[in-house]
Amino acid sequence: MNRCILFTLLLIPLAVFAREPNGSLGLIQSPHNGRPALALQGESFMVELQEEATLQLRSEKRTIPLDVTWSVGSGGNVTGTCRVPSDAAPGPYTLEAATVTSTDQNIRSVYLYDAFPEDYRIAHVPGESVSAERLQRALATAGESGAAFALITAPLANTKDPELLEAISTVLDESPLPAFLCPQQNSSDDDPYAALFGTRSFAFQFGRDGYLGFNAPGAPNRAALTDAPAAQHRLRRFIRPARWSIGFTQHYDAAMDMRSQLTLFVDDPLDVLIAGDVRAGHETIPWGSTALIATAGNDVQLIEVSEQGVNEIRPQ
């Protein structure tokens, strides 16, 4: 069974530094090491920048100039569609940007493939807390498992601690596989997390499957993200159509905002929701037909995705 594409690790020279000096996102807003772009040779991926720039992909062996088509983005940013040359080698790349006045680079922000596998594994990294050391161990375990990528839903303890977030970003710079970071639900958008990793809700596609990571506030925190259901609706449309539509979040319970429940589980229900933490007594989703995969503890959870479905791999 072809479980995943096995990458040859492309080492990043030690002299390369990404982001702003304090670790926050700079000219390149996305993709980044906590939300990388996954693209096929000869096809395209999307970027968001503060302004138009000359872009290139770089590995230890090759630098690849990118042909970019720009359009107006949100919040004063611009978005670009980047065409990948058909002869670009599979593997992880640094995305580099340059304008007349500034440069920027995001390490391990783009992963290229010659084909997406039909059957593969996901490594889900949940837990009650996260530290840089624990995340490094979990990603090493995920890489050894043969997983295609990791979904990290462990809560970012002490999220307002920028040093912790910078340490986590450094670990992601060295991740052996693509990693997608989805934080805990109770954070507001004015803390250091947004500066280092951007918005908390996003979507991506992996072959025929679509993934939607979201941060939906529960009943006591509904005012924290007033546009969350609208953003989730846009992201749900982005991953349609898909063989399997798979949501992932740090926390789920039935007290979650009702509009989010309707958007994700009733109007156009996700096939599966992967949650890092589920409130006791809420082990099923009472809205629609979405299956719930949840876990307890700090162990890496492996999930098999195939034509037959999306299923947790139980330890023998």
C-alpha atoms as a PDB file:
ATOM      1  CA  MET A   1       0.000   0.000   0.000  1.00  0.00           C
ATOM      2  CA  ASN A   2       1.320   3.407  -0.925  1.00  0.00           C
ATOM      3  CA  ARG A   3       0.934   5.171   2.397  1.00  0.00           C
ATOM      4  CA  CYS A   4       2.800   8.373   1.695  1.00  0.00           C
ATOM      5  CA  ILE A   5       5.471  10.058  -0.328  1.00  0.00           C
ATOM      6  CA  LEU A   6       8.841   9.503   1.331  1.00  0.00           C
ATOM      7  CA  PHE A   7      10.894  12.662   1.189  1.00  0.00           C
ATOM      8  CA  THR A   8      14.639  12.939   0.996  1.00  0.00           C
ATOM      9  CA  LEU A   9      15.319  15.555   3.633  1.00  0.00           C
ATOM     10  CA  LEU A  10      16.750  18.679   2.087  1.00  0.00           C
ATOM     11  CA  LEU A  11      18.920  20.327   4.700  1.00  0.00           C
ATOM     12  CA  ILE A  12      18.601  24.073   5.198  1.00  0.00           C
ATOM     13  CA  PRO A  13      21.938  25.908   5.567  1.00  0.00           C
ATOM     14  CA  LEU A  14      22.515  27.198   9.073  1.00  0.00           C
ATOM     15  CA  ALA A  15      23.062  30.735   7.808  1.00  0.00           C
ATOM     16  CA  VAL A  16      19.416  31.034   6.751  1.00  0.00           C
ATOM     17  CA  PHE A  17      17.100  32.975   9.072  1.00  0.00           C
ATOM     18  CA  ALA A  18      13.360  33.199   8.550  1.00  0.00           C
ATOM     19  CA  ARG A  19      10.673  35.694   9.591  1.00  0.00           C
ATOM     20  CA  GLU A  20      11.308  38.879  11.570  1.00  0.00           C
ATOM     21  CA  PRO A  21      14.071  38.953  14.241  1.00  0.00           C
ATOM     22  CA  ASN A  22      11.450  38.296  16.952  1.00  0.00           C
ATOM     23  CA  GLY A  23      10.035  35.296  15.047  1.00  0.00           C
ATOM     24  CA  SER A  24       6.862  36.999  13.833  1.00  0.00           C
ATOM     25  CA  LEU A  25       5.682  36.713  10.235  1.00  0.00           C
ATOM     26  CA  GLY A  26       7.044  39.400   7.924  1.00  0.00           C
ATOM     27  CA  LEU A  27       6.747  40.008   4.213  1.00  0.00           C
ATOM     28  CA  ILE A  28       5.551  36.423   3.673  1.00  0.00           C
ATOM     29  CA  GLN A  29       2.354  35.861   5.659  1.00  0.00           C
ATOM     30  CA  SER A  30       1.681  32.373   4.272  1.00  0.00           C
ATOM     31  CA  PRO A  31       2.625  29.649   3.690  1.00  0.00           C
ATOM     32  CA  HIS A  32       4.846  29.049   6.725  1.00  0.00           C
ATOM     33  CA  ASN A  33       6.146  26.189   8.839  1.00  0.00           C
ATOM     34  CA  GLY A  34       2.868  25.796  10.774  1.00  0.00           C
ATOM     35  CA  ARG A  35       0.720  25.979   7.647  1.00  0.00           C
ATOM     36  CA  PRO A  36       2.768  24.814   4.657  1.00  0.00           C
ATOM     37  CA  ALA A  37       1.674  24.672   1.023  1.00  0.00           C
ATOM     38  CA  LEU A  38       1.420  21.210  -0.557  1.00  0.00           C
ATOM     39  CA  ALA A  39       1.760  21.218  -4.338  1.00  0.00           C
ATOM     40  CA  LEU A  40       2.370  18.937  -7.289  1.00  0.00           C
ATOM     41  CA  GLN A  41       5.130  19.383  -9.826  1.00  0.00           C
ATOM     42  CA  GLY A  42       3.813  21.440 -12.721  1.00  0.00           C
ATOM     43  CA  GLU A  43       0.859  22.804 -10.746  1.00  0.00           C
ATOM     44  CA  SER A  44       0.408  25.813  -8.433  1.00  0.00           C
ATOM     45  CA  PHE A  45       0.080  26.924  -4.812  1.00  0.00           C
ATOM     46  CA  MET A  46      -1.158  30.096  -3.145  1.00  0.00           C
ATOM     47  CA  VAL A  47       0.797  32.682  -1.151  1.00  0.00           C
ATOM     48  CA  GLU A  48      -0.181  35.742   0.874  1.00  0.00           C
ATOM     49  CA  LEU A  49       2.294  38.619   1.198  1.00  0.00           C
ATOM     50  CA  GLN A  50       2.264  42.120   2.587  1.00  0.00           C
ATOM     51  CA  GLU A  51       3.133  43.355  -0.907  1.00  0.00           C
ATOM     52  CA  GLU A  52       4.113  41.969  -4.293  1.00  0.00           C
ATOM     53  CA  ALA A  53       7.608  40.503  -4.408  1.00  0.00           C
ATOM     54  CA  THR A  54       9.922  38.323  -6.454  1.00  0.00           C
ATOM     55  CA  LEU A  55       9.542  34.750  -5.203  1.00  0.00           C
ATOM     56  CA  GLN A  56      11.671  31.641  -5.378  1.00  0.00           C
ATOM     57  CA  LEU A  57      11.893  28.202  -3.797  1.00  0.00           C
ATOM     58  CA  ARG A  58      15.218  27.080  -2.398  1.00  0.00           C
ATOM     59  CA  SER A  59      16.636  23.777  -1.255  1.00  0.00           C
ATOM     60  CA  GLU A  60      20.229  22.801  -0.567  1.00  0.00           C
ATOM     61  CA  LYS A  61      20.548  21.637  -4.174  1.00  0.00           C
ATOM     62  CA  ARG A  62      18.532  24.090  -6.226  1.00  0.00           C
ATOM     63  CA  THR A  63      16.919  27.533  -6.414  1.00  0.00           C
ATOM     64  CA  ILE A  64      13.663  27.711  -8.391  1.00  0.00           C
ATOM     65  CA  PRO A  65      12.327  31.117  -9.549  1.00  0.00           C
ATOM     66  CA  LEU A  66       8.527  31.261  -9.433  1.00  0.00           C
ATOM     67  CA  ASP A  67       6.125  32.743 -11.950  1.00  0.00           C
ATOM     68  CA  VAL A  68       3.459  34.524  -9.844  1.00  0.00           C
ATOM     69  CA  THR A  69       0.042  35.943 -10.749  1.00  0.00           C
ATOM     70  CA  TRP A  70      -0.974  38.560  -8.154  1.00  0.00           C
ATOM     71  CA  SER A  71      -4.413  39.638  -6.936  1.00  0.00           C
ATOM     72  CA  VAL A  72      -5.830  41.781  -4.124  1.00  0.00           C
ATOM     73  CA  GLY A  73      -5.928  39.983  -0.796  1.00  0.00           C
ATOM     74  CA  SER A  74      -7.465  40.840   2.574  1.00  0.00           C
ATOM     75  CA  GLY A  75      -6.344  43.292   5.231  1.00  0.00           C
ATOM     76  CA  GLY A  76      -4.117  45.188   2.807  1.00  0.00           C
ATOM     77  CA  ASN A  77      -2.168  42.078   1.783  1.00  0.00           C
ATOM     78  CA  VAL A  78      -1.851  40.563  -1.685  1.00  0.00           C
ATOM     79  CA  THR A  79      -2.322  36.953  -2.762  1.00  0.00           C
ATOM     80  CA  GLY A  80      -0.354  35.197  -5.449  1.00  0.00           C
ATOM     81  CA  THR A  81      -0.749  32.027  -7.477  1.00  0.00           C
ATOM     82  CA  CYS A  82       2.697  30.433  -7.918  1.00  0.00           C
ATOM     83  CA  ARG A  83       3.355  27.985 -10.743  1.00  0.00           C
ATOM     84  CA  VAL A  84       5.707  25.105  -9.894  1.00  0.00           C
ATOM     85  CA  PRO A  85       8.045  23.940 -12.696  1.00  0.00           C
ATOM     86  CA  SER A  86       7.350  20.376 -13.808  1.00  0.00           C
ATOM     87  CA  ASP A  87      10.985  19.388 -13.210  1.00  0.00           C
ATOM     88  CA  ALA A  88      11.132  20.583  -9.584  1.00  0.00           C
ATOM     89  CA  ALA A  89      12.253  17.753  -7.302  1.00  0.00           C
ATOM     90  CA  PRO A  90       9.848  16.530  -4.581  1.00  0.00           C
ATOM     91  CA  GLY A  91      10.612  17.566  -1.015  1.00  0.00           C
ATOM     92  CA  PRO A  92      10.530  20.500   1.418  1.00  0.00           C
ATOM     93  CA  TYR A  93      11.554  23.986   0.326  1.00  0.00           C
ATOM     94  CA  THR A  94      12.216  27.414   1.783  1.00  0.00           C
ATOM     95  CA  LEU A  95      10.048  30.134   0.216  1.00  0.00           C
ATOM     96  CA  GLU A  96      12.040  33.336  -0.348  1.00  0.00           C
ATOM     97  CA  ALA A  97      10.663  36.782  -1.224  1.00  0.00           C
ATOM     98  CA  ALA A  98      12.420  39.991  -2.196  1.00  0.00           C
ATOM     99  CA  THR A  99      11.279  43.540  -2.876  1.00  0.00           C
ATOM    100  CA  VAL A 100      13.340  46.662  -3.521  1.00  0.00           C
ATOM    101  CA  THR A 101      13.485  47.361   0.224  1.00  0.00           C
ATOM    102  CA  SER A 102      13.111  44.029   2.019  1.00  0.00           C
ATOM    103  CA  THR A 103      13.630  40.258   1.921  1.00  0.00           C
ATOM    104  CA  ASP A 104      12.001  37.390   3.785  1.00  0.00           C
ATOM    105  CA  GLN A 105      12.067  33.598   3.875  1.00  0.00           C
ATOM    106  CA  ASN A 106       9.931  30.917   5.483  1.00  0.00           C
ATOM    107  CA  ILE A 107      11.695  27.617   6.094  1.00  0.00           C
ATOM    108  CA  ARG A 108       9.873  24.349   5.306  1.00  0.00           C
ATOM    109  CA  SER A 109       6.856  26.263   4.062  1.00  0.00           C
ATOM    110  CA  VAL A 110       6.387  24.497   0.696  1.00  0.00           C
ATOM    111  CA  TYR A 111       6.370  20.748   0.049  1.00  0.00           C
ATOM    112  CA  LEU A 112       6.428  19.469  -3.539  1.00  0.00           C
ATOM    113  CA  TYR A 113       5.184  16.058  -4.701  1.00  0.00           C
ATOM    114  CA  ASP A 114       5.322  14.123  -7.938  1.00  0.00           C
ATOM    115  CA  ALA A 115       1.946  12.545  -7.011  1.00  0.00           C
ATOM    116  CA  PHE A 116      -0.400  12.500  -4.030  1.00  0.00           C
ATOM    117  CA  PRO A 117      -1.003   9.028  -2.560  1.00  0.00           C
ATOM    118  CA  GLU A 118      -4.485   7.531  -2.623  1.00  0.00           C
ATOM    119  CA  ASP A 119      -3.937   5.792   0.733  1.00  0.00           C
ATOM    120  CA  TYR A 120      -1.904   7.426   3.495  1.00  0.00           C
ATOM    121  CA  ARG A 121      -1.589   8.072   7.218  1.00  0.00           C
ATOM    122  CA  ILE A 122      -2.122  11.225   9.257  1.00  0.00           C
ATOM    123  CA  ALA A 123      -0.237  11.755  12.511  1.00  0.00           C
ATOM    124  CA  HIS A 124      -2.450  13.602  14.995  1.00  0.00           C
ATOM    125  CA  VAL A 125      -0.526  15.286  17.819  1.00  0.00           C
ATOM    126  CA  PRO A 126      -2.987  16.035  20.664  1.00  0.00           C
ATOM    127  CA  GLY A 127      -2.348  16.433  24.384  1.00  0.00           C
ATOM    128  CA  GLU A 128      -3.064  18.427  27.481  1.00  0.00           C
ATOM    129  CA  SER A 129      -0.145  20.788  26.937  1.00  0.00           C
ATOM    130  CA  VAL A 130       2.697  21.362  24.535  1.00  0.00           C
ATOM    131  CA  SER A 131       6.333  22.324  24.901  1.00  0.00           C
ATOM    132  CA  ALA A 132       9.024  22.598  22.271  1.00  0.00           C
ATOM    133  CA  GLU A 133      10.684  19.424  23.575  1.00  0.00           C
ATOM    134  CA  ARG A 134       7.467  17.402  23.539  1.00  0.00           C
ATOM    135  CA  LEU A 135       6.543  18.643  20.066  1.00  0.00           C
ATOM    136  CA  GLN A 136       9.993  17.715  18.750  1.00  0.00           C
ATOM    137  CA  ARG A 137       9.603  14.165  20.087  1.00  0.00           C
ATOM    138  CA  ALA A 138       6.069  13.876  18.695  1.00  0.00           C
ATOM    139  CA  LEU A 139       7.119  15.020  15.225  1.00  0.00           C
ATOM    140  CA  ALA A 140      10.021  12.566  15.248  1.00  0.00           C
ATOM    141  CA  THR A 141       7.560   9.771  16.115  1.00  0.00           C
ATOM    142  CA  ALA A 142       5.214  10.986  13.374  1.00  0.00           C
ATOM    143  CA  GLY A 143       8.034  10.953  10.833  1.00  0.00           C
ATOM    144  CA  GLU A 144       9.064   7.423  11.810  1.00  0.00           C
ATOM    145  CA  SER A 145       5.448   6.238  11.456  1.00  0.00           C
ATOM    146  CA  GLY A 146       5.408   6.959   7.723  1.00  0.00           C
ATOM    147  CA  ALA A 147       2.677   9.592   8.066  1.00  0.00           C
ATOM    148  CA  ALA A 148       2.182  11.975   5.163  1.00  0.00           C
ATOM    149  CA  PHE A 149       1.755  14.975   7.477  1.00  0.00           C
ATOM    150  CA  ALA A 150       0.960  15.944  11.073  1.00  0.00           C
ATOM    151  CA  LEU A 151      -2.058  17.746  12.508  1.00  0.00           C
ATOM    152  CA  ILE A 152      -1.055  19.419  15.784  1.00  0.00           C
ATOM    153  CA  THR A 153      -4.035  20.145  18.049  1.00  0.00           C
ATOM    154  CA  ALA A 154      -2.233  20.121  21.395  1.00  0.00           C
ATOM    155  CA  PRO A 155      -3.081  23.370  23.214  1.00  0.00           C
ATOM    156  CA  LEU A 156      -0.376  25.992  23.316  1.00  0.00           C
ATOM    157  CA  ALA A 157       0.094  26.338  27.065  1.00  0.00           C
ATOM    158  CA  ASN A 158       1.067  29.885  28.065  1.00  0.00           C
ATOM    159  CA  THR A 159       0.180  31.057  24.562  1.00  0.00           C
ATOM    160  CA  LYS A 160       0.969  34.643  25.509  1.00  0.00           C
ATOM    161  CA  ASP A 161       4.592  33.622  26.075  1.00  0.00           C
ATOM    162  CA  PRO A 162       6.406  34.637  22.862  1.00  0.00           C
ATOM    163  CA  GLU A 163       9.533  32.687  23.796  1.00  0.00           C
ATOM    164  CA  LEU A 164       7.525  29.439  23.874  1.00  0.00           C
ATOM    165  CA  LEU A 165       6.002  30.204  20.488  1.00  0.00           C
ATOM    166  CA  GLU A 166       9.395  31.066  19.002  1.00  0.00           C
ATOM    167  CA  ALA A 167      10.769  27.753  20.313  1.00  0.00           C
ATOM    168  CA  ILE A 168       7.826  25.899  18.731  1.00  0.00           C
ATOM    169  CA  SER A 169       8.470  27.695  15.436  1.00  0.00           C
ATOM    170  CA  THR A 170      12.113  26.578  15.560  1.00  0.00           C
ATOM    171  CA  VAL A 171      10.993  22.963  16.057  1.00  0.00           C
ATOM    172  CA  LEU A 172       8.665  23.270  13.050  1.00  0.00           C
ATOM    173  CA  ASP A 173      11.612  24.553  10.980  1.00  0.00           C
ATOM    174  CA  GLU A 174      13.202  21.140  11.502  1.00  0.00           C
ATOM    175  CA  SER A 175      10.089  18.955  11.196  1.00  0.00           C
ATOM    176  CA  PRO A 176      10.621  15.725   9.216  1.00  0.00           C
ATOM    177  CA  LEU A 177       7.154  16.064   7.640  1.00  0.00           C
ATOM    178  CA  PRO A 178       4.620  18.827   6.892  1.00  0.00           C
ATOM    179  CA  ALA A 179       2.935  20.031  10.085  1.00  0.00           C
ATOM    180  CA  PHE A 180      -0.308  21.983  10.467  1.00  0.00           C
ATOM    181  CA  LEU A 181      -0.825  23.831  13.724  1.00  0.00           C
ATOM    182  CA  CYS A 182      -4.313  24.346  15.204  1.00  0.00           C
ATOM    183  CA  PRO A 183      -4.276  25.992  18.671  1.00  0.00           C
ATOM    184  CA  GLN A 184      -6.679  25.919  21.598  1.00  0.00           C
ATOM    185  CA  GLN A 185     -10.031  27.630  21.339  1.00  0.00           C
ATOM    186  CA  ASN A 186      -9.846  30.269  24.067  1.00  0.00           C
ATOM    187  CA  SER A 187      -7.105  32.462  22.611  1.00  0.00           C
ATOM    188  CA  SER A 188      -7.880  35.894  21.191  1.00  0.00           C
ATOM    189  CA  ASP A 189      -6.326  37.260  18.031  1.00  0.00           C
ATOM    190  CA  ASP A 190      -4.310  39.950  19.837  1.00  0.00           C
ATOM    191  CA  ASP A 191      -1.744  37.602  21.388  1.00  0.00           C
ATOM    192  CA  PRO A 192       1.662  36.520  20.015  1.00  0.00           C
ATOM    193  CA  TYR A 193       0.206  33.446  18.298  1.00  0.00           C
ATOM    194  CA  ALA A 194      -1.369  35.538  15.534  1.00  0.00           C
ATOM    195  CA  ALA A 195       1.931  37.344  14.931  1.00  0.00           C
ATOM    196  CA  LEU A 196       3.862  34.077  14.525  1.00  0.00           C
ATOM    197  CA  PHE A 197       1.295  31.819  12.863  1.00  0.00           C
ATOM    198  CA  GLY A 198      -1.562  33.975  11.543  1.00  0.00           C
ATOM    199  CA  THR A 199      -5.258  33.147  11.650  1.00  0.00           C
ATOM    200  CA  ARG A 200      -6.503  30.091  13.491  1.00  0.00           C
ATOM    201  CA  SER A 201      -8.919  28.836  10.819  1.00  0.00           C
ATOM    202  CA  PHE A 202      -7.582  27.605   7.465  1.00  0.00           C
ATOM    203  CA  ALA A 203      -8.018  24.857   4.885  1.00  0.00           C
ATOM    204  CA  PHE A 204      -5.828  22.825   2.567  1.00  0.00           C
ATOM    205  CA  GLN A 205      -6.158  19.964   0.110  1.00  0.00           C
ATOM    206  CA  PHE A 206      -4.105  16.778  -0.035  1.00  0.00           C
ATOM    207  CA  GLY A 207      -4.870  14.935  -3.236  1.00  0.00           C
ATOM    208  CA  ARG A 208      -8.609  14.268  -3.372  1.00  0.00           C
ATOM    209  CA  ASP A 209      -9.143  15.036   0.316  1.00  0.00           C
ATOM    210  CA  GLY A 210      -9.897  18.389   1.943  1.00  0.00           C
ATOM    211  CA  TYR A 211      -8.876  19.507   5.449  1.00  0.00           C
ATOM    212  CA  LEU A 212     -10.355  22.344   7.494  1.00  0.00           C
ATOM    213  CA  GLY A 213      -8.660  23.478  10.705  1.00  0.00           C
ATOM    214  CA  PHE A 214     -10.774  25.748  12.855  1.00  0.00           C
ATOM    215  CA  ASN A 215     -10.939  27.490  16.193  1.00  0.00           C
ATOM    216  CA  ALA A 216     -14.582  27.863  17.214  1.00  0.00           C
ATOM    217  CA  PRO A 217     -15.246  29.559  20.570  1.00  0.00           C
ATOM    218  CA  GLY A 218     -17.541  27.804  23.002  1.00  0.00           C
ATOM    219  CA  ALA A 219     -20.477  29.301  24.829  1.00  0.00           C
ATOM    220  CA  PRO A 220     -18.494  31.550  27.225  1.00  0.00           C
ATOM    221  CA  ASN A 221     -16.287  32.897  24.419  1.00  0.00           C
ATOM    222  CA  ARG A 222     -18.579  33.398  21.428  1.00  0.00           C
ATOM    223  CA  ALA A 223     -17.699  37.056  21.103  1.00  0.00           C
ATOM    224  CA  ALA A 224     -13.990  36.243  20.710  1.00  0.00           C
ATOM    225  CA  LEU A 225     -14.268  35.425  17.016  1.00  0.00           C
ATOM    226  CA  THR A 226     -17.498  36.954  15.719  1.00  0.00           C
ATOM    227  CA  ASP A 227     -16.765  36.061  12.083  1.00  0.00           C
ATOM    228  CA  ALA A 228     -15.750  32.449  12.791  1.00  0.00           C
ATOM    229  CA  PRO A 229     -18.801  30.781  11.166  1.00  0.00           C
ATOM    230  CA  ALA A 230     -18.490  32.986   8.073  1.00  0.00           C
ATOM    231  CA  ALA A 231     -14.810  32.096   7.760  1.00  0.00           C
ATOM    232  CA  GLN A 232     -15.621  28.410   8.256  1.00  0.00           C
ATOM    233  CA  HIS A 233     -18.236  28.609   5.500  1.00  0.00           C
ATOM    234  CA  ARG A 234     -15.680  30.060   3.075  1.00  0.00           C
ATOM    235  CA  LEU A 235     -13.148  27.401   3.988  1.00  0.00           C
ATOM    236  CA  ARG A 236     -15.767  24.646   3.654  1.00  0.00           C
ATOM    237  CA  ARG A 237     -16.462  25.851   0.122  1.00  0.00           C
ATOM    238  CA  PHE A 238     -12.728  25.903  -0.633  1.00  0.00           C
ATOM    239  CA  ILE A 239     -12.304  22.166   0.048  1.00  0.00           C
ATOM    240  CA  ARG A 240     -15.407  21.162  -1.917  1.00  0.00           C
ATOM    241  CA  PRO A 241     -15.598  18.779  -3.736  1.00  0.00           C
ATOM    242  CA  ALA A 242     -13.478  16.228  -1.890  1.00  0.00           C
ATOM    243  CA  ARG A 243     -13.330  12.474  -1.514  1.00  0.00           C
ATOM    244  CA  TRP A 244     -13.256  12.999   2.257  1.00  0.00           C
ATOM    245  CA  SER A 245     -13.810  16.338   3.999  1.00  0.00           C
ATOM    246  CA  ILE A 246     -11.939  16.267   7.296  1.00  0.00           C
ATOM    247  CA  GLY A 247     -12.074  18.909  10.020  1.00  0.00           C
ATOM    248  CA  PHE A 248      -9.597  19.225  12.867  1.00  0.00           C
ATOM    249  CA  THR A 249      -9.662  21.358  15.994  1.00  0.00           C
ATOM    250  CA  GLN A 250      -8.112  21.487  19.438  1.00  0.00           C
ATOM    251  CA  HIS A 251     -11.412  21.341  21.318  1.00  0.00           C
ATOM    252  CA  TYR A 252     -14.945  20.207  20.542  1.00  0.00           C
ATOM    253  CA  ASP A 253     -18.104  20.086  22.608  1.00  0.00           C
ATOM    254  CA  ALA A 254     -21.790  20.435  21.846  1.00  0.00           C
ATOM    255  CA  ALA A 255     -21.831  23.893  23.488  1.00  0.00           C
ATOM    256  CA  MET A 256     -19.817  25.239  20.576  1.00  0.00           C
ATOM    257  CA  ASP A 257     -21.339  28.222  18.805  1.00  0.00           C
ATOM    258  CA  MET A 258     -24.581  27.098  17.096  1.00  0.00           C
ATOM    259  CA  ARG A 259     -23.780  28.776  13.781  1.00  0.00           C
ATOM    260  CA  SER A 260     -20.517  26.843  13.657  1.00  0.00           C
ATOM    261  CA  GLN A 261     -22.394  23.623  14.379  1.00  0.00           C
ATOM    262  CA  LEU A 262     -24.784  24.294  11.490  1.00  0.00           C
ATOM    263  CA  THR A 263     -22.015  25.337   9.099  1.00  0.00           C
ATOM    264  CA  LEU A 264     -19.761  22.351   9.746  1.00  0.00           C
ATOM    265  CA  PHE A 265     -22.149  19.532  10.619  1.00  0.00           C
ATOM    266  CA  VAL A 266     -25.587  20.311   9.117  1.00  0.00           C
ATOM    267  CA  ASP A 267     -25.575  22.606   6.054  1.00  0.00           C
ATOM    268  CA  ASP A 268     -22.746  20.745   4.278  1.00  0.00           C
ATOM    269  CA  PRO A 269     -21.465  18.316   6.895  1.00  0.00           C
ATOM    270  CA  LEU A 270     -17.842  17.354   7.184  1.00  0.00           C
ATOM    271  CA  ASP A 271     -17.282  13.619   6.880  1.00  0.00           C
ATOM    272  CA  VAL A 272     -14.975  13.462   9.901  1.00  0.00           C
ATOM    273  CA  LEU A 273     -13.869  15.741  12.737  1.00  0.00           C
ATOM    274  CA  ILE A 274     -10.528  15.095  14.469  1.00  0.00           C
ATOM    275  CA  ALA A 275     -10.383  16.716  17.915  1.00  0.00           C
ATOM    276  CA  GLY A 276      -7.564  16.927  20.401  1.00  0.00           C
ATOM    277  CA  ASP A 277      -9.877  17.390  23.374  1.00  0.00           C
ATOM    278  CA  VAL A 278     -13.535  16.436  23.790  1.00  0.00           C
ATOM    279  CA  ARG A 279     -15.675  17.409  26.744  1.00  0.00           C
ATOM    280  CA  ALA A 280     -16.858  14.415  28.778  1.00  0.00           C
ATOM    281  CA  GLY A 281     -20.265  13.272  27.581  1.00  0.00           C
ATOM    282  CA  HIS A 282     -19.791  14.844  24.130  1.00  0.00           C
ATOM    283  CA  GLU A 283     -18.083  11.909  22.409  1.00  0.00           C
ATOM    284  CA  THR A 284     -20.444  12.104  19.428  1.00  0.00           C
ATOM    285  CA  ILE A 285     -21.567  15.064  17.323  1.00  0.00           C
ATOM    286  CA  PRO A 286     -25.349  15.495  17.730  1.00  0.00           C
ATOM    287  CA  TRP A 287     -25.641  17.542  14.536  1.00  0.00           C
ATOM    288  CA  GLY A 288     -25.842  15.676  11.245  1.00  0.00           C
ATOM    289  CA  SER A 289     -23.702  12.672  10.332  1.00  0.00           C
ATOM    290  CA  THR A 290     -20.092  13.809  10.973  1.00  0.00           C
ATOM    291  CA  ALA A 291     -17.992  11.115  12.648  1.00  0.00           C
ATOM    292  CA  LEU A 292     -15.806  12.175  15.578  1.00  0.00           C
ATOM    293  CA  ILE A 293     -12.246  10.921  16.137  1.00  0.00           C
ATOM    294  CA  ALA A 294     -10.887  12.083  19.476  1.00  0.00           C
ATOM    295  CA  THR A 295      -8.129  10.999  21.791  1.00  0.00           C
ATOM    296  CA  ALA A 296      -6.956  11.439  25.333  1.00  0.00           C
ATOM    297  CA  GLY A 297      -3.411  11.707  26.587  1.00  0.00           C
ATOM    298  CA  ASN A 298      -0.232  12.844  24.884  1.00  0.00           C
ATOM    299  CA  ASP A 299       0.470   9.976  22.488  1.00  0.00           C
ATOM    300  CA  VAL A 300       0.654  10.527  18.741  1.00  0.00           C
ATOM    301  CA  GLN A 301      -2.550   9.215  17.161  1.00  0.00           C
ATOM    302  CA  LEU A 302      -2.305   7.587  13.722  1.00  0.00           C
ATOM    303  CA  ILE A 303      -5.236   7.806  11.325  1.00  0.00           C
ATOM    304  CA  GLU A 304      -5.589   5.883   8.074  1.00  0.00           C
ATOM    305  CA  VAL A 305      -7.159   7.633   5.064  1.00  0.00           C
ATOM    306  CA  SER A 306      -8.187   5.447   2.120  1.00  0.00           C
ATOM    307  CA  GLU A 307     -11.016   4.782  -0.297  1.00  0.00           C
ATOM    308  CA  GLN A 308     -12.710   2.847   2.509  1.00  0.00           C
ATOM    309  CA  GLY A 309     -12.813   5.784   4.908  1.00  0.00           C
ATOM    310  CA  VAL A 310     -10.980   7.732   7.623  1.00  0.00           C
ATOM    311  CA  ASN A 311     -10.202   5.513  10.602  1.00  0.00           C
ATOM    312  CA  GLU A 312      -8.035   5.600  13.698  1.00  0.00           C
ATOM    313  CA  ILE A 313      -5.286   2.969  13.803  1.00  0.00           C
ATOM    314  CA  ARG A 314      -5.666   1.297  17.168  1.00  0.00           C
ATOM    315  CA  PRO A 315      -2.500   0.155  18.978  1.00  0.00           C
ATOM    316  CA  GLN A 316      -2.035  -3.613  18.847  1.00  0.00           C
END
